[in-house]
Amino acid sequence: MISKNKIKNATILSLITLLTILSFTISIFAAETATIDEQLEQLRDILNSSPSYSDFQKNQMLLPALQGILESGVSFEDTKEIVENSVKKLTDAYDMKDIFDALLETKKKGLFTVSIINKINEGLAKNAGKVEIILAISTKAENLRKAAEILTEARQEGLEISGEKEMVGILADSLENDVPQESLSWLIKTGTSEGKSVMEISEISEELSYLSLLATDSGLSSEEISLLFKKAIENSTNIEEICENIQTGLETQISTAKTETGGTVTPSTTTDSGTLPGSSTESPTEVGETSPTNESGEAPTETGGTPEPSPTPPADETPSPPEN
């Protein structure tokens, strides 16, 4: 039988272990709280370095917002960089508060904020206004949401996605470049099924971005680009083929859309009739015009002077053959 002393000793040992764990947890929490307080003091010093902000703006607007950002999990380094750039660009305190709130809202949605922070710093560097920066945040957040949705759908089909955080950023960048969401979904599912690495999928995603921008520059609408990518997917047996198929389809579509009307016309300048407005082969005075008349309503005759020779047609135009 187990003696009472052994039971007593075991109980004491368990209590000591429990108290040790509890003390350790409390110390970690206290250290974390102290760390945030110390970080806020550093951020306060940065704000104090500029005379542009009042005590009210610093103490009751900006620092509470910054505390919320830090407590949400945004790193101190990223938060500090935004504050430094804002102060450097003399950003208005109220605008800064709105930008901080937009960042915090994105973080609360569970989206990866690294690319959001990059957008903020990019906007500050370009002296963009608050509205532009918040719009960029909103757009990026929506693309991150769609990217996460693509990965969720792939996992629901039993696929294991590696490098999820990196993959979300890659897909969001491609969505920003107007690559159709359906095409990226196909890329993830097919690439994962084929055992492609994150780097290989990333390279193809970047190439799709390039081709999408090329199609846009060629005058294709969003609907036409989506159809172009869809056809390329239908004709692709693996992910390596899709880029070549898109390039081939793009060249074919541009070639078909070109019309010779005194020059080459790209799809972006072609009307429904295939003719660039205002670029008819006839001069403006020839289109739908009758012979000029004098004030009496009669066409001028050749009498009274030598008629002027007809102007020589431009080199790239051929006069119509005379009628029999």
C-alpha atoms as a PDB file:
ATOM      1  CA  MET A   1       0.000   0.000   0.000  1.00  0.00           C
ATOM      2  CA  ILE A   2       1.065   3.590  -0.651  1.00  0.00           C
ATOM      3  CA  SER A   3       1.878   5.319   2.585  1.00  0.00           C
ATOM      4  CA  LYS A   4       0.147   8.504   3.711  1.00  0.00           C
ATOM      5  CA  ASN A   5       3.479  10.340   3.628  1.00  0.00           C
ATOM      6  CA  LYS A   6       3.992   9.509  -0.041  1.00  0.00           C
ATOM      7  CA  ILE A   7       0.488  10.728  -0.884  1.00  0.00           C
ATOM      8  CA  LYS A   8       1.096  13.896   1.110  1.00  0.00           C
ATOM      9  CA  ASN A   9       4.414  14.517  -0.615  1.00  0.00           C
ATOM     10  CA  ALA A  10       2.883  13.966  -4.042  1.00  0.00           C
ATOM     11  CA  THR A  11       0.095  16.419  -3.253  1.00  0.00           C
ATOM     12  CA  ILE A  12       2.572  19.043  -2.075  1.00  0.00           C
ATOM     13  CA  LEU A  13       4.689  18.536  -5.177  1.00  0.00           C
ATOM     14  CA  SER A  14       1.628  18.986  -7.422  1.00  0.00           C
ATOM     15  CA  LEU A  15       0.688  22.202  -5.653  1.00  0.00           C
ATOM     16  CA  ILE A  16       4.218  23.543  -5.992  1.00  0.00           C
ATOM     17  CA  THR A  17       4.200  22.732  -9.720  1.00  0.00           C
ATOM     18  CA  LEU A  18       0.821  24.414 -10.175  1.00  0.00           C
ATOM     19  CA  LEU A  19       1.963  27.545  -8.335  1.00  0.00           C
ATOM     20  CA  THR A  20       5.148  27.664 -10.400  1.00  0.00           C
ATOM     21  CA  ILE A  21       3.193  27.480 -13.656  1.00  0.00           C
ATOM     22  CA  LEU A  22       0.748  30.130 -12.444  1.00  0.00           C
ATOM     23  CA  SER A  23       3.554  32.468 -11.385  1.00  0.00           C
ATOM     24  CA  PHE A  24       5.306  31.980 -14.715  1.00  0.00           C
ATOM     25  CA  THR A  25       2.106  32.803 -16.626  1.00  0.00           C
ATOM     26  CA  ILE A  26       1.509  35.941 -14.580  1.00  0.00           C
ATOM     27  CA  SER A  27       5.096  37.082 -15.098  1.00  0.00           C
ATOM     28  CA  ILE A  28       4.804  36.588 -18.857  1.00  0.00           C
ATOM     29  CA  PHE A  29       1.585  38.607 -18.971  1.00  0.00           C
ATOM     30  CA  ALA A  30       3.133  41.365 -16.857  1.00  0.00           C
ATOM     31  CA  ALA A  31       6.223  41.408 -19.080  1.00  0.00           C
ATOM     32  CA  GLU A  32       4.052  41.633 -22.202  1.00  0.00           C
ATOM     33  CA  THR A  33       2.056  44.507 -20.710  1.00  0.00           C
ATOM     34  CA  ALA A  34       5.225  46.281 -19.728  1.00  0.00           C
ATOM     35  CA  THR A  35       6.606  45.731 -23.207  1.00  0.00           C
ATOM     36  CA  ILE A  36       3.578  47.376 -24.841  1.00  0.00           C
ATOM     37  CA  ASP A  37       3.839  50.268 -22.399  1.00  0.00           C
ATOM     38  CA  GLU A  38       7.497  50.680 -23.280  1.00  0.00           C
ATOM     39  CA  GLN A  39       6.683  50.528 -26.977  1.00  0.00           C
ATOM     40  CA  LEU A  40       4.015  53.197 -26.584  1.00  0.00           C
ATOM     41  CA  GLU A  41       6.562  55.426 -24.853  1.00  0.00           C
ATOM     42  CA  GLN A  42       8.866  55.069 -27.849  1.00  0.00           C
ATOM     43  CA  LEU A  43       6.004  55.934 -30.189  1.00  0.00           C
ATOM     44  CA  ARG A  44       5.132  58.892 -27.981  1.00  0.00           C
ATOM     45  CA  ASP A  45       8.710  60.159 -28.342  1.00  0.00           C
ATOM     46  CA  ILE A  46       8.396  59.960 -32.144  1.00  0.00           C
ATOM     47  CA  LEU A  47       5.166  61.956 -32.064  1.00  0.00           C
ATOM     48  CA  ASN A  48       6.723  64.483 -29.680  1.00  0.00           C
ATOM     49  CA  SER A  49       9.520  65.054 -32.189  1.00  0.00           C
ATOM     50  CA  SER A  50       7.060  66.938 -34.368  1.00  0.00           C
ATOM     51  CA  PRO A  51       5.418  70.205 -33.276  1.00  0.00           C
ATOM     52  CA  SER A  52       2.502  69.475 -35.620  1.00  0.00           C
ATOM     53  CA  TYR A  53       0.483  67.470 -33.087  1.00  0.00           C
ATOM     54  CA  SER A  54      -1.282  68.820 -30.019  1.00  0.00           C
ATOM     55  CA  ASP A  55      -1.286  67.028 -26.666  1.00  0.00           C
ATOM     56  CA  PHE A  56      -4.916  66.051 -27.231  1.00  0.00           C
ATOM     57  CA  GLN A  57      -4.126  64.566 -30.639  1.00  0.00           C
ATOM     58  CA  LYS A  58      -1.182  62.591 -29.286  1.00  0.00           C
ATOM     59  CA  ASN A  59      -2.602  61.406 -25.959  1.00  0.00           C
ATOM     60  CA  GLN A  60      -6.279  60.900 -26.711  1.00  0.00           C
ATOM     61  CA  MET A  61      -6.310  60.095 -30.438  1.00  0.00           C
ATOM     62  CA  LEU A  62      -3.116  58.609 -31.796  1.00  0.00           C
ATOM     63  CA  LEU A  63      -1.597  56.698 -28.859  1.00  0.00           C
ATOM     64  CA  PRO A  64      -4.838  54.843 -27.983  1.00  0.00           C
ATOM     65  CA  ALA A  65      -5.169  53.862 -31.660  1.00  0.00           C
ATOM     66  CA  LEU A  66      -1.551  52.704 -31.700  1.00  0.00           C
ATOM     67  CA  GLN A  67      -2.124  50.677 -28.535  1.00  0.00           C
ATOM     68  CA  GLY A  68      -5.010  48.904 -30.239  1.00  0.00           C
ATOM     69  CA  ILE A  69      -2.808  48.131 -33.236  1.00  0.00           C
ATOM     70  CA  LEU A  70      -0.042  46.667 -31.051  1.00  0.00           C
ATOM     71  CA  GLU A  71      -2.503  44.623 -28.972  1.00  0.00           C
ATOM     72  CA  SER A  72      -4.060  43.219 -32.169  1.00  0.00           C
ATOM     73  CA  GLY A  73      -0.739  41.615 -33.050  1.00  0.00           C
ATOM     74  CA  VAL A  74       0.818  44.046 -35.511  1.00  0.00           C
ATOM     75  CA  SER A  75       4.549  44.077 -34.820  1.00  0.00           C
ATOM     76  CA  PHE A  76       6.166  47.026 -33.092  1.00  0.00           C
ATOM     77  CA  GLU A  77       8.632  47.438 -35.975  1.00  0.00           C
ATOM     78  CA  ASP A  78       5.827  47.784 -38.541  1.00  0.00           C
ATOM     79  CA  THR A  79       3.847  50.139 -36.294  1.00  0.00           C
ATOM     80  CA  LYS A  80       6.909  52.269 -35.613  1.00  0.00           C
ATOM     81  CA  GLU A  81       7.707  52.532 -39.321  1.00  0.00           C
ATOM     82  CA  ILE A  82       4.210  53.843 -40.107  1.00  0.00           C
ATOM     83  CA  VAL A  83       4.422  56.436 -37.310  1.00  0.00           C
ATOM     84  CA  GLU A  84       7.885  57.574 -38.410  1.00  0.00           C
ATOM     85  CA  ASN A  85       6.771  57.941 -42.036  1.00  0.00           C
ATOM     86  CA  SER A  86       3.619  59.790 -40.980  1.00  0.00           C
ATOM     87  CA  VAL A  87       5.559  62.256 -38.853  1.00  0.00           C
ATOM     88  CA  LYS A  88       8.172  62.687 -41.563  1.00  0.00           C
ATOM     89  CA  LYS A  89       5.477  63.576 -44.111  1.00  0.00           C
ATOM     90  CA  LEU A  90       3.666  65.823 -41.606  1.00  0.00           C
ATOM     91  CA  THR A  91       0.503  63.780 -41.973  1.00  0.00           C
ATOM     92  CA  ASP A  92      -2.538  65.403 -40.383  1.00  0.00           C
ATOM     93  CA  ALA A  93      -3.370  63.814 -37.019  1.00  0.00           C
ATOM     94  CA  TYR A  94      -6.994  63.140 -37.934  1.00  0.00           C
ATOM     95  CA  ASP A  95      -5.964  61.553 -41.220  1.00  0.00           C
ATOM     96  CA  MET A  96      -3.387  59.469 -39.376  1.00  0.00           C
ATOM     97  CA  LYS A  97      -6.048  58.275 -36.932  1.00  0.00           C
ATOM     98  CA  ASP A  98      -8.314  57.191 -39.804  1.00  0.00           C
ATOM     99  CA  ILE A  99      -5.445  55.286 -41.418  1.00  0.00           C
ATOM    100  CA  PHE A 100      -4.648  53.550 -38.108  1.00  0.00           C
ATOM    101  CA  ASP A 101      -8.324  52.598 -37.704  1.00  0.00           C
ATOM    102  CA  ALA A 102      -8.410  51.144 -41.236  1.00  0.00           C
ATOM    103  CA  LEU A 103      -5.327  49.048 -40.485  1.00  0.00           C
ATOM    104  CA  LEU A 104      -6.805  47.811 -37.206  1.00  0.00           C
ATOM    105  CA  GLU A 105     -10.084  46.893 -38.912  1.00  0.00           C
ATOM    106  CA  THR A 106      -8.171  44.836 -41.464  1.00  0.00           C
ATOM    107  CA  LYS A 107      -6.259  43.050 -38.709  1.00  0.00           C
ATOM    108  CA  LYS A 108      -9.483  42.237 -36.865  1.00  0.00           C
ATOM    109  CA  LYS A 109     -10.757  40.476 -39.987  1.00  0.00           C
ATOM    110  CA  GLY A 110      -7.874  38.037 -39.670  1.00  0.00           C
ATOM    111  CA  LEU A 111      -6.178  39.172 -42.877  1.00  0.00           C
ATOM    112  CA  PHE A 112      -2.418  39.262 -43.282  1.00  0.00           C
ATOM    113  CA  THR A 113      -1.378  42.861 -42.727  1.00  0.00           C
ATOM    114  CA  VAL A 114       2.171  42.894 -44.129  1.00  0.00           C
ATOM    115  CA  SER A 115       1.039  43.918 -47.611  1.00  0.00           C
ATOM    116  CA  ILE A 116      -1.446  46.397 -46.082  1.00  0.00           C
ATOM    117  CA  ILE A 117       1.369  48.059 -44.157  1.00  0.00           C
ATOM    118  CA  ASN A 118       3.451  48.197 -47.330  1.00  0.00           C
ATOM    119  CA  LYS A 119       0.565  49.986 -49.057  1.00  0.00           C
ATOM    120  CA  ILE A 120       0.356  52.529 -46.250  1.00  0.00           C
ATOM    121  CA  ASN A 121       4.066  53.274 -46.334  1.00  0.00           C
ATOM    122  CA  GLU A 122       3.995  53.445 -50.124  1.00  0.00           C
ATOM    123  CA  GLY A 123       1.168  55.960 -50.012  1.00  0.00           C
ATOM    124  CA  LEU A 124       2.926  58.078 -47.383  1.00  0.00           C
ATOM    125  CA  ALA A 125       6.130  58.065 -49.436  1.00  0.00           C
ATOM    126  CA  LYS A 126       4.179  59.365 -52.440  1.00  0.00           C
ATOM    127  CA  ASN A 127       2.449  62.047 -50.350  1.00  0.00           C
ATOM    128  CA  ALA A 128      -0.898  60.441 -51.135  1.00  0.00           C
ATOM    129  CA  GLY A 129      -3.953  61.768 -49.342  1.00  0.00           C
ATOM    130  CA  LYS A 130      -5.917  59.960 -46.678  1.00  0.00           C
ATOM    131  CA  VAL A 131      -8.689  58.998 -49.077  1.00  0.00           C
ATOM    132  CA  GLU A 132      -6.231  57.426 -51.529  1.00  0.00           C
ATOM    133  CA  ILE A 133      -4.420  55.494 -48.808  1.00  0.00           C
ATOM    134  CA  ILE A 134      -7.621  54.185 -47.228  1.00  0.00           C
ATOM    135  CA  LEU A 135      -8.918  53.198 -50.674  1.00  0.00           C
ATOM    136  CA  ALA A 136      -5.661  51.314 -51.290  1.00  0.00           C
ATOM    137  CA  ILE A 137      -6.067  49.591 -47.911  1.00  0.00           C
ATOM    138  CA  SER A 138      -9.650  48.639 -48.745  1.00  0.00           C
ATOM    139  CA  THR A 139      -8.723  47.302 -52.184  1.00  0.00           C
ATOM    140  CA  LYS A 140      -5.806  45.320 -50.828  1.00  0.00           C
ATOM    141  CA  ALA A 141      -7.938  43.914 -48.026  1.00  0.00           C
ATOM    142  CA  GLU A 142     -10.555  42.766 -50.527  1.00  0.00           C
ATOM    143  CA  ASN A 143      -7.893  41.052 -52.644  1.00  0.00           C
ATOM    144  CA  LEU A 144      -6.476  39.375 -49.528  1.00  0.00           C
ATOM    145  CA  ARG A 145      -9.967  38.161 -48.676  1.00  0.00           C
ATOM    146  CA  LYS A 146     -10.406  36.702 -52.167  1.00  0.00           C
ATOM    147  CA  ALA A 147      -6.967  35.082 -51.990  1.00  0.00           C
ATOM    148  CA  ALA A 148      -7.822  33.460 -48.651  1.00  0.00           C
ATOM    149  CA  GLU A 149     -11.108  32.281 -50.192  1.00  0.00           C
ATOM    150  CA  ILE A 150      -9.203  30.584 -53.026  1.00  0.00           C
ATOM    151  CA  LEU A 151      -7.048  28.668 -50.536  1.00  0.00           C
ATOM    152  CA  THR A 152     -10.074  27.737 -48.431  1.00  0.00           C
ATOM    153  CA  GLU A 153     -11.822  26.248 -51.481  1.00  0.00           C
ATOM    154  CA  ALA A 154      -8.697  24.248 -52.316  1.00  0.00           C
ATOM    155  CA  ARG A 155      -8.464  22.866 -48.773  1.00  0.00           C
ATOM    156  CA  GLN A 156     -12.149  21.943 -48.849  1.00  0.00           C
ATOM    157  CA  GLU A 157     -11.338  19.740 -51.830  1.00  0.00           C
ATOM    158  CA  GLY A 158      -8.770  17.892 -49.740  1.00  0.00           C
ATOM    159  CA  LEU A 159      -5.665  19.663 -51.014  1.00  0.00           C
ATOM    160  CA  GLU A 160      -2.844  20.503 -48.617  1.00  0.00           C
ATOM    161  CA  ILE A 161      -1.595  24.051 -49.133  1.00  0.00           C
ATOM    162  CA  SER A 162       1.948  24.794 -47.996  1.00  0.00           C
ATOM    163  CA  GLY A 163       3.229  28.288 -47.319  1.00  0.00           C
ATOM    164  CA  GLU A 164      -0.286  29.649 -46.828  1.00  0.00           C
ATOM    165  CA  LYS A 165       0.783  33.104 -45.619  1.00  0.00           C
ATOM    166  CA  GLU A 166       3.138  33.598 -48.552  1.00  0.00           C
ATOM    167  CA  MET A 167       0.605  32.183 -50.996  1.00  0.00           C
ATOM    168  CA  VAL A 168      -2.102  34.612 -49.899  1.00  0.00           C
ATOM    169  CA  GLY A 169       0.203  37.537 -50.619  1.00  0.00           C
ATOM    170  CA  ILE A 170       1.116  36.145 -54.039  1.00  0.00           C
ATOM    171  CA  LEU A 171      -2.505  35.636 -55.057  1.00  0.00           C
ATOM    172  CA  ALA A 172      -3.536  39.066 -53.750  1.00  0.00           C
ATOM    173  CA  ASP A 173      -0.853  40.716 -55.897  1.00  0.00           C
ATOM    174  CA  SER A 174      -2.119  38.897 -58.991  1.00  0.00           C
ATOM    175  CA  LEU A 175      -5.709  39.885 -58.236  1.00  0.00           C
ATOM    176  CA  GLU A 176      -4.525  43.479 -57.975  1.00  0.00           C
ATOM    177  CA  ASN A 177      -3.186  43.113 -61.522  1.00  0.00           C
ATOM    178  CA  ASP A 178      -6.635  41.963 -62.728  1.00  0.00           C
ATOM    179  CA  VAL A 179      -5.831  38.270 -63.082  1.00  0.00           C
ATOM    180  CA  PRO A 180      -9.251  36.546 -62.942  1.00  0.00           C
ATOM    181  CA  GLN A 181      -9.993  34.874 -59.609  1.00  0.00           C
ATOM    182  CA  GLU A 182     -11.134  31.701 -61.395  1.00  0.00           C
ATOM    183  CA  SER A 183      -7.762  31.428 -63.130  1.00  0.00           C
ATOM    184  CA  LEU A 184      -5.861  31.728 -59.856  1.00  0.00           C
ATOM    185  CA  SER A 185      -8.133  29.138 -58.265  1.00  0.00           C
ATOM    186  CA  TRP A 186      -7.320  26.764 -61.133  1.00  0.00           C
ATOM    187  CA  LEU A 187      -3.614  27.523 -60.725  1.00  0.00           C
ATOM    188  CA  ILE A 188      -3.630  26.683 -57.006  1.00  0.00           C
ATOM    189  CA  LYS A 189      -5.651  23.495 -57.368  1.00  0.00           C
ATOM    190  CA  THR A 190      -3.797  22.215 -60.430  1.00  0.00           C
ATOM    191  CA  GLY A 191      -0.363  23.247 -59.193  1.00  0.00           C
ATOM    192  CA  THR A 192      -0.920  21.658 -55.785  1.00  0.00           C
ATOM    193  CA  SER A 193      -2.218  18.473 -57.394  1.00  0.00           C
ATOM    194  CA  GLU A 194       0.902  18.362 -59.568  1.00  0.00           C
ATOM    195  CA  GLY A 195       3.114  18.803 -56.514  1.00  0.00           C
ATOM    196  CA  LYS A 196       4.450  22.204 -57.526  1.00  0.00           C
ATOM    197  CA  SER A 197       6.358  24.218 -54.935  1.00  0.00           C
ATOM    198  CA  VAL A 198       5.294  27.617 -53.638  1.00  0.00           C
ATOM    199  CA  MET A 199       8.075  29.191 -55.698  1.00  0.00           C
ATOM    200  CA  GLU A 200       6.921  27.525 -58.925  1.00  0.00           C
ATOM    201  CA  ILE A 201       3.313  28.582 -58.380  1.00  0.00           C
ATOM    202  CA  SER A 202       4.519  32.072 -57.477  1.00  0.00           C
ATOM    203  CA  GLU A 203       6.475  32.379 -60.725  1.00  0.00           C
ATOM    204  CA  ILE A 204       3.457  31.366 -62.807  1.00  0.00           C
ATOM    205  CA  SER A 205       1.212  33.743 -60.849  1.00  0.00           C
ATOM    206  CA  GLU A 206       3.614  36.616 -61.552  1.00  0.00           C
ATOM    207  CA  GLU A 207       3.648  35.704 -65.244  1.00  0.00           C
ATOM    208  CA  LEU A 208      -0.147  35.714 -65.298  1.00  0.00           C
ATOM    209  CA  SER A 209      -0.013  39.229 -63.849  1.00  0.00           C
ATOM    210  CA  TYR A 210       2.307  40.300 -66.646  1.00  0.00           C
ATOM    211  CA  LEU A 211       0.041  38.795 -69.305  1.00  0.00           C
ATOM    212  CA  SER A 212      -3.036  40.411 -67.772  1.00  0.00           C
ATOM    213  CA  LEU A 213      -1.389  43.835 -67.820  1.00  0.00           C
ATOM    214  CA  LEU A 214      -0.255  43.202 -71.394  1.00  0.00           C
ATOM    215  CA  ALA A 215      -3.815  42.361 -72.407  1.00  0.00           C
ATOM    216  CA  THR A 216      -5.091  45.515 -70.707  1.00  0.00           C
ATOM    217  CA  ASP A 217      -2.514  47.640 -72.510  1.00  0.00           C
ATOM    218  CA  SER A 218      -3.615  46.016 -75.771  1.00  0.00           C
ATOM    219  CA  GLY A 219      -7.119  47.351 -75.226  1.00  0.00           C
ATOM    220  CA  LEU A 220      -8.930  44.239 -73.974  1.00  0.00           C
ATOM    221  CA  SER A 221     -11.722  44.738 -71.470  1.00  0.00           C
ATOM    222  CA  SER A 222     -11.971  42.819 -68.185  1.00  0.00           C
ATOM    223  CA  GLU A 223     -14.572  40.519 -69.736  1.00  0.00           C
ATOM    224  CA  GLU A 224     -12.341  39.810 -72.724  1.00  0.00           C
ATOM    225  CA  ILE A 225      -9.377  39.084 -70.457  1.00  0.00           C
ATOM    226  CA  SER A 226     -11.455  36.674 -68.365  1.00  0.00           C
ATOM    227  CA  LEU A 227     -12.574  34.873 -71.513  1.00  0.00           C
ATOM    228  CA  LEU A 228      -8.998  34.767 -72.806  1.00  0.00           C
ATOM    229  CA  PHE A 229      -7.744  33.173 -69.583  1.00  0.00           C
ATOM    230  CA  LYS A 230     -10.694  30.758 -69.488  1.00  0.00           C
ATOM    231  CA  LYS A 231      -9.974  29.483 -73.004  1.00  0.00           C
ATOM    232  CA  ALA A 232      -6.292  29.107 -72.155  1.00  0.00           C
ATOM    233  CA  ILE A 233      -7.171  26.980 -69.128  1.00  0.00           C
ATOM    234  CA  GLU A 234      -9.475  24.782 -71.197  1.00  0.00           C
ATOM    235  CA  ASN A 235      -6.617  24.139 -73.627  1.00  0.00           C
ATOM    236  CA  SER A 236      -4.022  23.484 -70.904  1.00  0.00           C
ATOM    237  CA  THR A 237      -3.236  20.021 -69.581  1.00  0.00           C
ATOM    238  CA  ASN A 238      -0.802  21.340 -66.941  1.00  0.00           C
ATOM    239  CA  ILE A 239       0.129  24.679 -65.391  1.00  0.00           C
ATOM    240  CA  GLU A 240       3.226  25.085 -67.550  1.00  0.00           C
ATOM    241  CA  GLU A 241       1.071  25.446 -70.669  1.00  0.00           C
ATOM    242  CA  ILE A 242      -1.301  28.139 -69.499  1.00  0.00           C
ATOM    243  CA  CYS A 243       1.057  31.086 -70.005  1.00  0.00           C
ATOM    244  CA  GLU A 244       1.929  30.096 -73.568  1.00  0.00           C
ATOM    245  CA  ASN A 245      -1.737  29.513 -74.356  1.00  0.00           C
ATOM    246  CA  ILE A 246      -2.665  32.949 -73.024  1.00  0.00           C
ATOM    247  CA  GLN A 247       0.111  34.595 -75.043  1.00  0.00           C
ATOM    248  CA  THR A 248      -0.972  32.772 -78.199  1.00  0.00           C
ATOM    249  CA  GLY A 249      -4.619  33.654 -77.637  1.00  0.00           C
ATOM    250  CA  LEU A 250      -3.730  37.284 -77.001  1.00  0.00           C
ATOM    251  CA  GLU A 251      -1.718  37.526 -80.211  1.00  0.00           C
ATOM    252  CA  THR A 252      -4.555  35.931 -82.165  1.00  0.00           C
ATOM    253  CA  GLN A 253      -7.160  38.259 -80.697  1.00  0.00           C
ATOM    254  CA  ILE A 254      -5.095  41.365 -81.391  1.00  0.00           C
ATOM    255  CA  SER A 255      -4.337  40.226 -84.927  1.00  0.00           C
ATOM    256  CA  THR A 256      -8.007  39.551 -85.621  1.00  0.00           C
ATOM    257  CA  ALA A 257      -9.044  42.912 -84.215  1.00  0.00           C
ATOM    258  CA  LYS A 258      -6.628  44.898 -86.348  1.00  0.00           C
ATOM    259  CA  THR A 259      -8.182  46.740 -89.274  1.00  0.00           C
ATOM    260  CA  GLU A 260      -6.412  48.564 -92.059  1.00  0.00           C
ATOM    261  CA  THR A 261      -8.020  52.006 -92.287  1.00  0.00           C
ATOM    262  CA  GLY A 262      -5.138  54.236 -93.190  1.00  0.00           C
ATOM    263  CA  GLY A 263      -3.137  52.581 -90.426  1.00  0.00           C
ATOM    264  CA  THR A 264      -3.219  49.839 -87.880  1.00  0.00           C
ATOM    265  CA  VAL A 265      -5.955  50.004 -85.322  1.00  0.00           C
ATOM    266  CA  THR A 266      -5.704  48.145 -82.011  1.00  0.00           C
ATOM    267  CA  PRO A 267      -8.748  46.802 -80.157  1.00  0.00           C
ATOM    268  CA  SER A 268      -8.681  49.781 -77.786  1.00  0.00           C
ATOM    269  CA  THR A 269      -9.386  52.190 -80.685  1.00  0.00           C
ATOM    270  CA  THR A 270     -11.686  50.054 -82.804  1.00  0.00           C
ATOM    271  CA  THR A 271     -15.409  50.751 -82.976  1.00  0.00           C
ATOM    272  CA  ASP A 272     -18.148  48.223 -83.542  1.00  0.00           C
ATOM    273  CA  SER A 273     -17.834  48.820 -87.257  1.00  0.00           C
ATOM    274  CA  GLY A 274     -14.082  48.227 -87.166  1.00  0.00           C
ATOM    275  CA  THR A 275     -13.248  51.819 -88.056  1.00  0.00           C
ATOM    276  CA  LEU A 276     -11.501  54.327 -85.841  1.00  0.00           C
ATOM    277  CA  PRO A 277     -13.769  57.328 -85.324  1.00  0.00           C
ATOM    278  CA  GLY A 278     -12.561  60.296 -87.340  1.00  0.00           C
ATOM    279  CA  SER A 279     -10.015  58.214 -89.257  1.00  0.00           C
ATOM    280  CA  SER A 280     -11.947  57.520 -92.452  1.00  0.00           C
ATOM    281  CA  THR A 281      -9.944  57.204 -95.633  1.00  0.00           C
ATOM    282  CA  GLU A 282     -11.952  60.139 -96.960  1.00  0.00           C
ATOM    283  CA  SER A 283     -11.157  63.649 -95.902  1.00  0.00           C
ATOM    284  CA  PRO A 284     -13.727  65.448 -93.710  1.00  0.00           C
ATOM    285  CA  THR A 285     -14.970  67.418 -96.706  1.00  0.00           C
ATOM    286  CA  GLU A 286     -15.580  64.236 -98.697  1.00  0.00           C
ATOM    287  CA  VAL A 287     -17.724  62.308 -96.258  1.00  0.00           C
ATOM    288  CA  GLY A 288     -21.373  62.791 -97.317  1.00  0.00           C
ATOM    289  CA  GLU A 289     -20.531  66.098 -99.087  1.00  0.00           C
ATOM    290  CA  THR A 290     -21.926  67.373-102.401  1.00  0.00           C
ATOM    291  CA  SER A 291     -20.216  69.706-104.797  1.00  0.00           C
ATOM    292  CA  PRO A 292     -19.920  73.230-103.410  1.00  0.00           C
ATOM    293  CA  THR A 293     -22.444  75.750-104.798  1.00  0.00           C
ATOM    294  CA  ASN A 294     -22.390  79.491-105.109  1.00  0.00           C
ATOM    295  CA  GLU A 295     -24.927  81.802-103.586  1.00  0.00           C
ATOM    296  CA  SER A 296     -27.363  81.275-106.488  1.00  0.00           C
ATOM    297  CA  GLY A 297     -27.423  77.563-105.772  1.00  0.00           C
ATOM    298  CA  GLU A 298     -25.638  76.670-109.029  1.00  0.00           C
ATOM    299  CA  ALA A 299     -22.407  74.752-109.209  1.00  0.00           C
ATOM    300  CA  PRO A 300     -19.507  76.901-110.427  1.00  0.00           C
ATOM    301  CA  THR A 301     -18.582  76.470-114.070  1.00  0.00           C
ATOM    302  CA  GLU A 302     -15.132  76.307-115.631  1.00  0.00           C
ATOM    303  CA  THR A 303     -15.580  79.660-117.383  1.00  0.00           C
ATOM    304  CA  GLY A 304     -13.950  82.704-115.970  1.00  0.00           C
ATOM    305  CA  GLY A 305     -10.637  81.081-115.194  1.00  0.00           C
ATOM    306  CA  THR A 306      -8.507  78.055-115.386  1.00  0.00           C
ATOM    307  CA  PRO A 307      -9.740  75.349-113.054  1.00  0.00           C
ATOM    308  CA  GLU A 308      -7.323  74.322-110.341  1.00  0.00           C
ATOM    309  CA  PRO A 309      -5.991  70.795-110.641  1.00  0.00           C
ATOM    310  CA  SER A 310      -7.429  68.254-108.255  1.00  0.00           C
ATOM    311  CA  PRO A 311      -5.209  67.627-105.238  1.00  0.00           C
ATOM    312  CA  THR A 312      -3.017  64.575-105.491  1.00  0.00           C
ATOM    313  CA  PRO A 313      -4.360  61.772-103.303  1.00  0.00           C
ATOM    314  CA  PRO A 314      -2.191  60.841-100.288  1.00  0.00           C
ATOM    315  CA  ALA A 315       0.338  58.126-100.926  1.00  0.00           C
ATOM    316  CA  ASP A 316      -1.489  55.627 -98.743  1.00  0.00           C
ATOM    317  CA  GLU A 317      -4.850  56.108-100.483  1.00  0.00           C
ATOM    318  CA  THR A 318      -5.936  54.863-103.881  1.00  0.00           C
ATOM    319  CA  PRO A 319      -8.582  56.788-105.807  1.00  0.00           C
ATOM    320  CA  SER A 320     -11.704  54.932-106.806  1.00  0.00           C
ATOM    321  CA  PRO A 321     -11.637  53.689-110.422  1.00  0.00           C
ATOM    322  CA  PRO A 322     -13.817  55.668-112.806  1.00  0.00           C
ATOM    323  CA  GLU A 323     -17.250  54.321-113.467  1.00  0.00           C
ATOM    324  CA  ASN A 324     -18.104  53.138-116.986  1.00  0.00           C
END
